[in-house]
């Protein structure tokens, strides 16, 4: 039993790159959106993209560490005036939901999404489903630890939890889509005349 669990754990870690990660071809965009969570690697990735002039603006979203990530970006040379923060969201679902009005107000047409490598698939799927008019480019922070090190690190547990969260988000998205009111056809103004 224990051996089987360890084998499944190892397979989950090794398969995470192909099953959980989404990485798109890098392209320029209107903004870089950085999700809260694993702050230092995400901030470093976003700062590098900003310095490469991939996008002129940055949005940091996530309760708890949005100001910390903002400070990391500034320390990495990103100008403070180009950084906007959304500090109320407490989940990936809320990151997208609470970022939507900000991005709409900024008239964003394309965005680079930065998060952890194993979180990128679920995150970009949520942002794309909520904001289909924006071209989302997933550019995750790179894996910094070997799979062996991950197995004995808290990130290993986070990766396994990501499989469960991905399934839960897919179910929630299906329910949300099914529950959304369908557009009714417009009544023919000339009917009955």
N, C-alpha and C. Protein backbone atom coordinates (compact mmCIF):
# COMPACT_ATOMS: atom_id res chain seq x y z
N UNK A 1 0.82 -1.20 0.00
CA UNK A 1 0.00 0.00 0.00
C UNK A 1 0.86 1.26 0.00
N UNK A 2 1.82 1.33 0.92
CA UNK A 2 2.70 2.49 1.01
C UNK A 2 3.53 2.62 -0.26
N UNK A 3 4.02 1.48 -0.76
CA UNK A 3 4.82 1.50 -1.98
C UNK A 3 3.99 2.04 -3.16
N UNK A 4 2.74 1.64 -3.22
CA UNK A 4 1.86 2.12 -4.29
C UNK A 4 1.63 3.63 -4.22
N UNK A 5 1.45 4.13 -3.02
CA UNK A 5 1.26 5.58 -2.83
C UNK A 5 2.52 6.33 -3.23
N UNK A 6 3.68 5.79 -2.86
CA UNK A 6 4.94 6.45 -3.22
C UNK A 6 5.15 6.45 -4.74
N UNK A 7 4.77 5.37 -5.39
CA UNK A 7 4.88 5.30 -6.86
C UNK A 7 3.96 6.34 -7.50
N UNK A 8 2.72 6.41 -7.02
CA UNK A 8 1.78 7.40 -7.56
C UNK A 8 2.28 8.82 -7.32
N UNK A 9 2.83 9.07 -6.14
CA UNK A 9 3.38 10.38 -5.82
C UNK A 9 4.50 10.74 -6.80
N UNK A 10 5.40 9.80 -7.01
CA UNK A 10 6.50 10.02 -7.95
C UNK A 10 6.01 10.27 -9.36
N UNK A 11 5.04 9.49 -9.81
CA UNK A 11 4.47 9.69 -11.15
C UNK A 11 3.78 11.04 -11.27
N UNK A 12 3.09 11.44 -10.22
CA UNK A 12 2.42 12.76 -10.24
C UNK A 12 3.44 13.87 -10.41
N UNK A 13 4.56 13.77 -9.71
CA UNK A 13 5.60 14.80 -9.82
C UNK A 13 6.23 14.81 -11.21
N UNK A 14 6.60 13.64 -11.68
CA UNK A 14 7.29 13.55 -12.98
C UNK A 14 6.36 13.96 -14.12
N UNK A 15 5.08 13.70 -13.99
CA UNK A 15 4.12 14.02 -15.06
C UNK A 15 3.62 15.46 -15.00
N UNK A 16 3.92 16.17 -13.95
CA UNK A 16 3.37 17.52 -13.76
C UNK A 16 3.74 18.46 -14.91
N UNK A 17 4.94 18.34 -15.42
CA UNK A 17 5.35 19.23 -16.51
C UNK A 17 4.47 19.09 -17.74
N UNK A 18 4.09 17.86 -18.07
CA UNK A 18 3.26 17.66 -19.26
C UNK A 18 1.77 17.76 -18.97
N UNK A 19 1.35 17.46 -17.75
CA UNK A 19 -0.09 17.46 -17.46
C UNK A 19 -0.61 18.76 -16.85
N UNK A 20 0.23 19.48 -16.12
CA UNK A 20 -0.23 20.67 -15.43
C UNK A 20 0.29 21.98 -16.01
N UNK A 21 1.43 21.95 -16.68
CA UNK A 21 2.06 23.19 -17.14
C UNK A 21 1.54 23.61 -18.51
N UNK A 22 1.34 24.91 -18.65
CA UNK A 22 1.00 25.50 -19.95
C UNK A 22 2.05 26.56 -20.24
N UNK A 23 2.75 26.40 -21.34
CA UNK A 23 3.77 27.38 -21.75
C UNK A 23 3.51 27.72 -23.21
N UNK A 24 3.29 28.99 -23.46
CA UNK A 24 3.03 29.45 -24.82
C UNK A 24 4.29 30.07 -25.41
N UNK A 25 4.25 30.27 -26.71
CA UNK A 25 5.34 30.97 -27.38
C UNK A 25 5.32 32.41 -26.89
N UNK A 26 6.46 32.88 -26.45
CA UNK A 26 6.56 34.23 -25.91
C UNK A 26 6.30 35.26 -27.00
N UNK A 27 5.47 36.23 -26.67
CA UNK A 27 5.15 37.32 -27.59
C UNK A 27 4.94 38.59 -26.77
N UNK A 28 5.02 39.71 -27.40
CA UNK A 28 4.77 40.98 -26.71
C UNK A 28 3.28 41.10 -26.39
N UNK A 29 2.98 41.86 -25.34
CA UNK A 29 1.60 42.02 -24.89
C UNK A 29 1.42 43.41 -24.30
N UNK A 30 0.18 43.70 -23.92
CA UNK A 30 -0.13 44.99 -23.30
C UNK A 30 0.26 45.03 -21.83
N UNK A 31 0.24 43.86 -21.16
CA UNK A 31 0.47 43.83 -19.71
C UNK A 31 0.98 42.46 -19.30
N UNK A 32 1.69 42.43 -18.20
CA UNK A 32 2.11 41.19 -17.55
C UNK A 32 1.25 41.05 -16.29
N UNK A 33 0.56 39.93 -16.14
CA UNK A 33 -0.26 39.68 -14.96
C UNK A 33 0.45 38.63 -14.12
N UNK A 34 0.80 39.02 -12.89
CA UNK A 34 1.54 38.14 -11.98
C UNK A 34 0.60 37.70 -10.86
N UNK A 35 0.44 36.38 -10.71
CA UNK A 35 -0.43 35.86 -9.66
C UNK A 35 0.33 35.74 -8.35
N UNK A 36 -0.36 36.07 -7.26
CA UNK A 36 0.24 35.92 -5.94
C UNK A 36 0.44 34.45 -5.62
N UNK A 37 1.24 34.21 -4.64
CA UNK A 37 1.56 32.83 -4.26
C UNK A 37 3.04 32.72 -4.03
N UNK A 38 3.69 31.98 -4.86
CA UNK A 38 5.14 31.76 -4.75
C UNK A 38 5.85 33.00 -5.29
N UNK A 39 5.89 34.05 -4.46
CA UNK A 39 6.30 35.38 -4.89
C UNK A 39 7.64 35.55 -5.57
N UNK A 40 8.75 35.16 -4.95
CA UNK A 40 10.05 35.47 -5.56
C UNK A 40 10.26 34.93 -6.98
N UNK A 41 9.96 33.65 -7.27
CA UNK A 41 10.17 33.20 -8.65
C UNK A 41 9.23 33.88 -9.65
N UNK A 42 8.01 34.13 -9.22
CA UNK A 42 7.06 34.78 -10.13
C UNK A 42 7.47 36.23 -10.37
N UNK A 43 7.89 36.93 -9.33
CA UNK A 43 8.33 38.32 -9.49
C UNK A 43 9.57 38.39 -10.38
N UNK A 44 10.50 37.46 -10.19
CA UNK A 44 11.72 37.45 -11.01
C UNK A 44 11.39 37.23 -12.48
N UNK A 45 10.46 36.31 -12.75
CA UNK A 45 10.06 36.03 -14.15
C UNK A 45 9.39 37.27 -14.75
N UNK A 46 8.48 37.88 -14.01
CA UNK A 46 7.78 39.07 -14.51
C UNK A 46 8.74 40.22 -14.74
N UNK A 47 9.67 40.43 -13.81
CA UNK A 47 10.65 41.52 -13.97
C UNK A 47 11.52 41.29 -15.20
N UNK A 48 11.95 40.06 -15.42
CA UNK A 48 12.76 39.75 -16.60
C UNK A 48 11.98 40.05 -17.88
N UNK A 49 10.71 39.69 -17.91
CA UNK A 49 9.87 39.96 -19.08
C UNK A 49 9.70 41.46 -19.30
N UNK A 50 9.51 42.20 -18.20
CA UNK A 50 9.35 43.65 -18.32
C UNK A 50 10.64 44.28 -18.85
N UNK A 51 11.79 43.83 -18.34
CA UNK A 51 13.07 44.37 -18.81
C UNK A 51 13.34 44.00 -20.27
N UNK A 52 12.76 42.90 -20.74
CA UNK A 52 12.87 42.51 -22.15
C UNK A 52 11.89 43.29 -23.02
N UNK A 53 11.14 44.19 -22.39
CA UNK A 53 10.14 45.01 -23.07
C UNK A 53 9.02 44.18 -23.72
N UNK A 54 8.67 43.10 -23.04
CA UNK A 54 7.59 42.25 -23.53
C UNK A 54 6.22 42.88 -23.27
N UNK A 55 6.14 43.74 -22.25
CA UNK A 55 4.91 44.48 -21.94
C UNK A 55 5.29 45.69 -21.10
N UNK A 56 4.59 46.82 -21.31
CA UNK A 56 4.95 48.03 -20.58
C UNK A 56 4.34 48.13 -19.18
N UNK A 57 3.33 47.31 -18.89
CA UNK A 57 2.61 47.41 -17.62
C UNK A 57 2.62 46.07 -16.89
N UNK A 58 2.40 46.13 -15.57
CA UNK A 58 2.34 44.92 -14.75
C UNK A 58 1.15 45.03 -13.80
N UNK A 59 0.39 43.93 -13.68
CA UNK A 59 -0.68 43.82 -12.69
C UNK A 59 -0.32 42.66 -11.76
N UNK A 60 -0.27 42.94 -10.46
CA UNK A 60 -0.04 41.90 -9.47
C UNK A 60 -1.37 41.63 -8.79
N UNK A 61 -1.79 40.36 -8.75
CA UNK A 61 -3.08 40.02 -8.19
C UNK A 61 -2.94 38.93 -7.14
N UNK A 62 -3.51 39.17 -5.96
CA UNK A 62 -3.50 38.16 -4.92
C UNK A 62 -3.42 38.74 -3.53
N UNK A 63 -4.35 38.35 -2.69
CA UNK A 63 -4.37 38.79 -1.29
C UNK A 63 -3.18 38.20 -0.54
N UNK A 64 -2.64 38.98 0.35
CA UNK A 64 -1.58 38.47 1.20
C UNK A 64 -0.19 38.85 0.76
N UNK A 65 0.10 38.71 -0.52
CA UNK A 65 1.47 39.00 -0.94
C UNK A 65 1.56 39.93 -2.15
N UNK A 66 0.47 40.60 -2.51
CA UNK A 66 0.54 41.48 -3.68
C UNK A 66 1.53 42.62 -3.46
N UNK A 67 1.54 43.17 -2.27
CA UNK A 67 2.48 44.26 -2.01
C UNK A 67 3.92 43.76 -1.91
N UNK A 68 4.09 42.54 -1.39
CA UNK A 68 5.42 41.92 -1.34
C UNK A 68 5.95 41.70 -2.76
N UNK A 69 5.12 41.15 -3.64
CA UNK A 69 5.54 40.92 -5.03
C UNK A 69 5.81 42.25 -5.71
N UNK A 70 4.96 43.24 -5.46
CA UNK A 70 5.19 44.57 -6.02
C UNK A 70 6.56 45.10 -5.60
N UNK A 71 6.90 44.94 -4.32
CA UNK A 71 8.20 45.41 -3.82
C UNK A 71 9.35 44.64 -4.47
N UNK A 72 9.18 43.33 -4.65
CA UNK A 72 10.21 42.53 -5.33
C UNK A 72 10.42 43.02 -6.76
N UNK A 73 9.33 43.37 -7.43
CA UNK A 73 9.43 43.89 -8.81
C UNK A 73 10.20 45.21 -8.83
N UNK A 74 9.88 46.09 -7.88
CA UNK A 74 10.58 47.38 -7.82
C UNK A 74 12.06 47.17 -7.53
N UNK A 75 12.38 46.27 -6.60
CA UNK A 75 13.77 45.97 -6.29
C UNK A 75 14.50 45.38 -7.50
N UNK A 76 13.75 44.73 -8.39
CA UNK A 76 14.34 44.16 -9.60
C UNK A 76 14.40 45.17 -10.74
N UNK A 77 14.02 46.42 -10.46
CA UNK A 77 14.16 47.47 -11.46
C UNK A 77 12.92 47.85 -12.24
N UNK A 78 11.77 47.25 -11.91
CA UNK A 78 10.52 47.63 -12.58
C UNK A 78 10.06 48.95 -11.98
N UNK A 79 9.70 49.90 -12.82
CA UNK A 79 9.27 51.21 -12.34
C UNK A 79 7.94 51.09 -11.58
N UNK A 80 7.86 51.70 -10.42
CA UNK A 80 6.67 51.58 -9.59
C UNK A 80 5.41 52.09 -10.27
N UNK A 81 5.56 53.11 -11.12
CA UNK A 81 4.38 53.69 -11.77
C UNK A 81 3.73 52.78 -12.82
N UNK A 82 4.40 51.71 -13.22
CA UNK A 82 3.81 50.81 -14.22
C UNK A 82 3.12 49.61 -13.56
N UNK A 83 3.19 49.54 -12.21
CA UNK A 83 2.64 48.39 -11.48
C UNK A 83 1.29 48.76 -10.87
N UNK A 84 0.29 47.93 -11.15
CA UNK A 84 -1.03 48.03 -10.54
C UNK A 84 -1.20 46.80 -9.67
N UNK A 85 -1.89 46.95 -8.55
CA UNK A 85 -2.12 45.80 -7.68
C UNK A 85 -3.62 45.57 -7.47
N UNK A 86 -3.96 44.31 -7.32
CA UNK A 86 -5.29 43.86 -6.94
C UNK A 86 -5.04 42.96 -5.74
N UNK A 87 -5.38 43.40 -4.56
CA UNK A 87 -4.98 42.71 -3.32
C UNK A 87 -6.14 42.05 -2.58
N UNK A 88 -7.25 41.76 -3.25
CA UNK A 88 -8.41 41.17 -2.58
C UNK A 88 -8.59 39.68 -2.88
N UNK A 89 -8.09 39.21 -4.00
CA UNK A 89 -8.36 37.83 -4.42
C UNK A 89 -7.59 36.83 -3.59
N UNK A 90 -8.27 35.75 -3.24
CA UNK A 90 -7.66 34.72 -2.41
C UNK A 90 -7.53 33.37 -3.09
N UNK A 91 -7.82 33.31 -4.38
CA UNK A 91 -7.71 32.06 -5.13
C UNK A 91 -7.47 32.40 -6.59
N UNK A 92 -7.13 31.39 -7.35
CA UNK A 92 -6.93 31.59 -8.80
C UNK A 92 -8.24 32.05 -9.45
N UNK A 93 -9.33 31.47 -9.01
CA UNK A 93 -10.65 31.85 -9.54
C UNK A 93 -10.88 33.35 -9.31
N UNK A 94 -10.59 33.80 -8.09
CA UNK A 94 -10.77 35.22 -7.77
C UNK A 94 -9.71 36.09 -8.44
N UNK A 95 -8.49 35.59 -8.63
CA UNK A 95 -7.48 36.36 -9.36
C UNK A 95 -8.05 36.81 -10.70
N UNK A 96 -8.64 35.88 -11.41
CA UNK A 96 -9.20 36.20 -12.73
C UNK A 96 -10.43 37.09 -12.58
N UNK A 97 -11.33 36.74 -11.68
CA UNK A 97 -12.57 37.49 -11.50
C UNK A 97 -12.30 38.94 -11.12
N UNK A 98 -11.39 39.16 -10.16
CA UNK A 98 -11.12 40.52 -9.69
C UNK A 98 -10.20 41.30 -10.63
N UNK A 99 -9.45 40.60 -11.46
CA UNK A 99 -8.60 41.28 -12.45
C UNK A 99 -9.38 41.73 -13.68
N UNK A 100 -10.48 41.06 -13.95
CA UNK A 100 -11.25 41.37 -15.16
C UNK A 100 -11.64 42.84 -15.29
N UNK A 101 -12.26 43.46 -14.27
CA UNK A 101 -12.63 44.87 -14.45
C UNK A 101 -11.42 45.79 -14.58
N UNK A 102 -10.32 45.45 -13.95
CA UNK A 102 -9.11 46.26 -14.07
C UNK A 102 -8.59 46.19 -15.51
N UNK A 103 -8.50 44.98 -16.04
CA UNK A 103 -7.99 44.80 -17.40
C UNK A 103 -8.94 45.39 -18.44
N UNK A 104 -10.24 45.27 -18.19
CA UNK A 104 -11.22 45.87 -19.10
C UNK A 104 -11.08 47.39 -19.09
N UNK A 105 -10.93 47.96 -17.91
CA UNK A 105 -10.74 49.41 -17.80
C UNK A 105 -9.48 49.90 -18.48
N UNK A 106 -8.46 49.05 -18.52
CA UNK A 106 -7.20 49.40 -19.17
C UNK A 106 -7.23 49.11 -20.67
N UNK A 107 -8.33 48.54 -21.14
CA UNK A 107 -8.52 48.17 -22.55
C UNK A 107 -7.42 47.22 -23.03
N UNK A 108 -7.11 46.24 -22.19
CA UNK A 108 -6.08 45.25 -22.51
C UNK A 108 -6.60 44.30 -23.58
N UNK A 109 -5.78 44.05 -24.59
CA UNK A 109 -6.11 43.12 -25.67
C UNK A 109 -5.25 41.86 -25.60
N UNK A 110 -4.07 41.97 -24.95
CA UNK A 110 -3.18 40.81 -24.82
C UNK A 110 -2.46 40.90 -23.48
N UNK A 111 -2.21 39.74 -22.88
CA UNK A 111 -1.59 39.71 -21.56
C UNK A 111 -0.72 38.48 -21.40
N UNK A 112 0.41 38.68 -20.74
CA UNK A 112 1.29 37.57 -20.37
C UNK A 112 0.93 37.18 -18.94
N UNK A 113 0.64 35.90 -18.72
CA UNK A 113 0.28 35.41 -17.40
C UNK A 113 1.47 34.70 -16.78
N UNK A 114 1.89 35.18 -15.60
CA UNK A 114 3.03 34.60 -14.89
C UNK A 114 2.56 33.99 -13.58
N UNK A 115 2.88 32.73 -13.40
CA UNK A 115 2.61 32.00 -12.17
C UNK A 115 3.63 30.88 -12.08
N UNK A 116 3.47 29.99 -11.12
CA UNK A 116 4.38 28.84 -11.00
C UNK A 116 4.15 27.88 -12.15
N UNK A 117 5.18 27.15 -12.52
CA UNK A 117 5.08 26.26 -13.68
C UNK A 117 3.96 25.23 -13.52
N UNK A 118 3.80 24.65 -12.34
CA UNK A 118 2.79 23.60 -12.17
C UNK A 118 1.39 24.17 -12.00
N UNK A 119 1.27 25.46 -11.80
CA UNK A 119 -0.02 26.13 -11.63
C UNK A 119 -0.50 26.76 -12.94
N UNK A 120 0.38 26.84 -13.91
CA UNK A 120 0.11 27.62 -15.12
C UNK A 120 -1.05 27.09 -15.96
N UNK A 121 -1.22 25.79 -16.05
CA UNK A 121 -2.31 25.24 -16.87
C UNK A 121 -3.68 25.63 -16.36
N UNK A 122 -3.89 25.44 -15.07
CA UNK A 122 -5.19 25.80 -14.48
C UNK A 122 -5.41 27.30 -14.53
N UNK A 123 -4.37 28.07 -14.24
CA UNK A 123 -4.51 29.52 -14.20
C UNK A 123 -4.88 30.09 -15.57
N UNK A 124 -4.13 29.71 -16.59
CA UNK A 124 -4.41 30.29 -17.90
C UNK A 124 -5.76 29.83 -18.44
N UNK A 125 -6.16 28.63 -18.09
CA UNK A 125 -7.48 28.15 -18.52
C UNK A 125 -8.58 29.02 -17.92
N UNK A 126 -8.44 29.38 -16.64
CA UNK A 126 -9.45 30.23 -15.98
C UNK A 126 -9.47 31.63 -16.58
N UNK A 127 -8.30 32.22 -16.79
CA UNK A 127 -8.24 33.57 -17.36
C UNK A 127 -8.80 33.58 -18.78
N UNK A 128 -8.47 32.57 -19.57
CA UNK A 128 -8.99 32.51 -20.95
C UNK A 128 -10.49 32.32 -20.98
N UNK A 129 -11.03 31.50 -20.07
CA UNK A 129 -12.48 31.27 -20.10
C UNK A 129 -13.25 32.50 -19.64
N UNK A 130 -12.70 33.24 -18.68
CA UNK A 130 -13.38 34.43 -18.18
C UNK A 130 -13.21 35.64 -19.09
N UNK A 131 -12.05 35.73 -19.73
CA UNK A 131 -11.76 36.89 -20.58
C UNK A 131 -11.30 36.42 -21.97
N UNK A 132 -12.22 35.86 -22.75
CA UNK A 132 -11.83 35.31 -24.06
C UNK A 132 -11.41 36.37 -25.08
N UNK A 133 -11.75 37.63 -24.84
CA UNK A 133 -11.37 38.69 -25.77
C UNK A 133 -9.92 39.12 -25.61
N UNK A 134 -9.28 38.65 -24.55
CA UNK A 134 -7.86 38.95 -24.32
C UNK A 134 -7.04 37.76 -24.79
N UNK A 135 -5.97 38.03 -25.52
CA UNK A 135 -5.05 36.96 -25.95
C UNK A 135 -4.11 36.70 -24.77
N UNK A 136 -4.26 35.54 -24.15
CA UNK A 136 -3.46 35.16 -22.98
C UNK A 136 -2.25 34.36 -23.39
N UNK A 137 -1.09 34.74 -22.88
CA UNK A 137 0.17 34.07 -23.18
C UNK A 137 0.73 33.57 -21.85
N UNK A 138 0.78 32.26 -21.68
CA UNK A 138 1.27 31.68 -20.43
C UNK A 138 2.79 31.56 -20.48
N UNK A 139 3.45 32.27 -19.55
CA UNK A 139 4.91 32.24 -19.44
C UNK A 139 5.24 32.01 -17.95
N UNK A 140 5.21 30.75 -17.52
CA UNK A 140 5.39 30.47 -16.10
C UNK A 140 6.83 30.63 -15.62
N UNK A 141 6.95 30.81 -14.31
CA UNK A 141 8.27 30.75 -13.68
C UNK A 141 8.77 29.31 -13.85
N UNK A 142 10.04 29.16 -14.08
CA UNK A 142 10.63 27.85 -14.34
C UNK A 142 10.76 27.01 -13.08
N UNK A 143 10.75 25.71 -13.26
CA UNK A 143 11.00 24.78 -12.15
C UNK A 143 12.47 24.94 -11.75
N UNK A 144 12.68 25.20 -10.48
CA UNK A 144 14.04 25.44 -9.98
C UNK A 144 14.63 24.24 -9.25
N UNK A 145 13.80 23.27 -8.90
CA UNK A 145 14.25 22.12 -8.13
C UNK A 145 14.12 20.85 -8.95
N UNK A 146 14.99 19.90 -8.69
CA UNK A 146 14.87 18.60 -9.35
C UNK A 146 13.63 17.89 -8.82
N UNK A 147 13.16 16.91 -9.56
CA UNK A 147 12.01 16.14 -9.09
C UNK A 147 12.33 15.43 -7.78
N UNK A 148 13.57 15.01 -7.62
CA UNK A 148 13.98 14.36 -6.39
C UNK A 148 13.84 15.32 -5.20
N UNK A 149 14.30 16.57 -5.40
CA UNK A 149 14.17 17.56 -4.32
C UNK A 149 12.70 17.91 -4.08
N UNK A 150 11.92 17.99 -5.14
CA UNK A 150 10.49 18.29 -4.98
C UNK A 150 9.78 17.23 -4.15
N UNK A 151 10.20 16.00 -4.30
CA UNK A 151 9.55 14.90 -3.59
C UNK A 151 9.64 15.08 -2.07
N UNK A 152 10.66 15.77 -1.61
CA UNK A 152 10.86 15.95 -0.17
C UNK A 152 10.64 17.40 0.26
N UNK A 153 9.93 18.15 -0.56
CA UNK A 153 9.72 19.57 -0.32
C UNK A 153 8.22 19.84 -0.30
N UNK A 154 7.82 20.94 0.30
CA UNK A 154 6.40 21.31 0.33
C UNK A 154 5.84 21.51 -1.07
N UNK A 155 6.69 21.89 -2.03
CA UNK A 155 6.21 22.05 -3.41
C UNK A 155 5.72 20.73 -3.99
N UNK A 156 6.29 19.62 -3.55
CA UNK A 156 5.81 18.32 -4.02
C UNK A 156 4.36 18.11 -3.64
N UNK A 157 4.03 18.45 -2.43
CA UNK A 157 2.64 18.34 -1.96
C UNK A 157 1.76 19.31 -2.75
N UNK A 158 2.27 20.52 -2.98
CA UNK A 158 1.50 21.51 -3.75
C UNK A 158 1.20 21.00 -5.16
N UNK A 159 2.15 20.32 -5.76
CA UNK A 159 1.95 19.79 -7.11
C UNK A 159 0.84 18.74 -7.10
N UNK A 160 0.86 17.85 -6.14
CA UNK A 160 -0.19 16.83 -6.04
C UNK A 160 -1.55 17.49 -5.82
N UNK A 161 -1.59 18.51 -4.97
CA UNK A 161 -2.84 19.24 -4.74
C UNK A 161 -3.32 19.93 -6.01
N UNK A 162 -2.38 20.32 -6.87
CA UNK A 162 -2.74 21.01 -8.12
C UNK A 162 -3.58 20.11 -9.03
N UNK A 163 -3.32 18.82 -9.04
CA UNK A 163 -4.15 17.89 -9.83
C UNK A 163 -5.60 17.95 -9.34
N UNK A 164 -5.78 17.93 -8.03
CA UNK A 164 -7.13 17.97 -7.46
C UNK A 164 -7.80 19.31 -7.76
N UNK A 165 -7.05 20.39 -7.60
CA UNK A 165 -7.60 21.72 -7.88
C UNK A 165 -7.97 21.87 -9.35
N UNK A 166 -7.17 21.29 -10.24
CA UNK A 166 -7.46 21.38 -11.66
C UNK A 166 -8.79 20.70 -11.98
N UNK A 167 -9.00 19.53 -11.43
CA UNK A 167 -10.27 18.82 -11.64
C UNK A 167 -11.42 19.62 -11.05
N UNK A 168 -11.24 20.15 -9.84
CA UNK A 168 -12.30 20.94 -9.20
C UNK A 168 -12.64 22.18 -10.02
N UNK A 169 -11.62 22.85 -10.57
CA UNK A 169 -11.87 24.04 -11.39
C UNK A 169 -12.59 23.68 -12.68
N UNK A 170 -12.22 22.55 -13.28
CA UNK A 170 -12.91 22.13 -14.50
C UNK A 170 -14.38 21.87 -14.23
N UNK A 171 -14.68 21.21 -13.11
CA UNK A 171 -16.08 20.95 -12.74
C UNK A 171 -16.80 22.27 -12.46
N UNK A 172 -16.16 23.15 -11.69
CA UNK A 172 -16.77 24.44 -11.36
C UNK A 172 -17.03 25.26 -12.63
N UNK A 173 -16.10 25.23 -13.57
CA UNK A 173 -16.28 25.96 -14.82
C UNK A 173 -17.45 25.41 -15.62
N UNK A 174 -17.58 24.08 -15.64
CA UNK A 174 -18.70 23.47 -16.35
C UNK A 174 -20.03 23.86 -15.71
N UNK A 175 -20.08 23.86 -14.39
CA UNK A 175 -21.31 24.24 -13.68
C UNK A 175 -21.62 25.71 -13.94
N UNK A 176 -20.60 26.57 -13.88
CA UNK A 176 -20.80 28.00 -14.12
C UNK A 176 -21.30 28.25 -15.53
N UNK A 177 -20.75 27.53 -16.49
CA UNK A 177 -21.16 27.70 -17.89
C UNK A 177 -22.59 27.22 -18.08
N UNK A 178 -22.93 26.09 -17.46
CA UNK A 178 -24.28 25.55 -17.59
C UNK A 178 -25.31 26.43 -16.91
N UNK A 179 -24.91 27.08 -15.82
CA UNK A 179 -25.84 27.92 -15.06
C UNK A 179 -25.99 29.32 -15.63
N UNK A 180 -25.07 29.71 -16.50
CA UNK A 180 -25.14 31.06 -17.07
C UNK A 180 -26.38 31.20 -17.93
N UNK A 181 -27.06 32.34 -17.80
CA UNK A 181 -28.26 32.53 -18.62
C UNK A 181 -27.90 32.58 -20.10
N UNK A 182 -28.70 31.92 -20.87
CA UNK A 182 -28.49 31.91 -22.32
C UNK A 182 -29.11 33.17 -22.92
N UNK A 183 -28.47 33.68 -23.95
CA UNK A 183 -28.98 34.87 -24.62
C UNK A 183 -30.29 34.51 -25.34
N UNK A 184 -31.28 35.30 -25.11
CA UNK A 184 -32.56 35.08 -25.76
C UNK A 184 -32.57 35.78 -27.12
N UNK A 185 -33.19 35.16 -28.12
CA UNK A 185 -33.25 35.83 -29.42
C UNK A 185 -34.08 37.10 -29.29
N UNK A 186 -33.66 38.12 -29.99
CA UNK A 186 -34.40 39.38 -29.97
C UNK A 186 -35.75 39.19 -30.67
N UNK A 187 -36.76 39.76 -30.08
CA UNK A 187 -38.09 39.67 -30.68
C UNK A 187 -38.09 40.49 -31.97
N UNK A 188 -38.76 39.98 -32.94
CA UNK A 188 -38.86 40.67 -34.23
C UNK A 188 -39.75 41.90 -34.05
N UNK A 189 -39.19 43.05 -34.23
CA UNK A 189 -39.91 44.32 -34.02
C UNK A 189 -41.06 44.45 -35.01
N UNK A 190 -40.96 43.79 -36.14
CA UNK A 190 -42.01 43.92 -37.17
C UNK A 190 -43.07 42.84 -37.04
N UNK A 191 -42.94 41.96 -36.06
CA UNK A 191 -43.90 40.86 -35.93
C UNK A 191 -45.30 41.40 -35.67
N UNK A 192 -46.26 40.86 -36.35
CA UNK A 192 -47.66 41.23 -36.15
C UNK A 192 -48.07 42.49 -36.87
N UNK A 193 -47.21 43.06 -37.67
CA UNK A 193 -47.60 44.28 -38.39
C UNK A 193 -48.08 43.97 -39.75
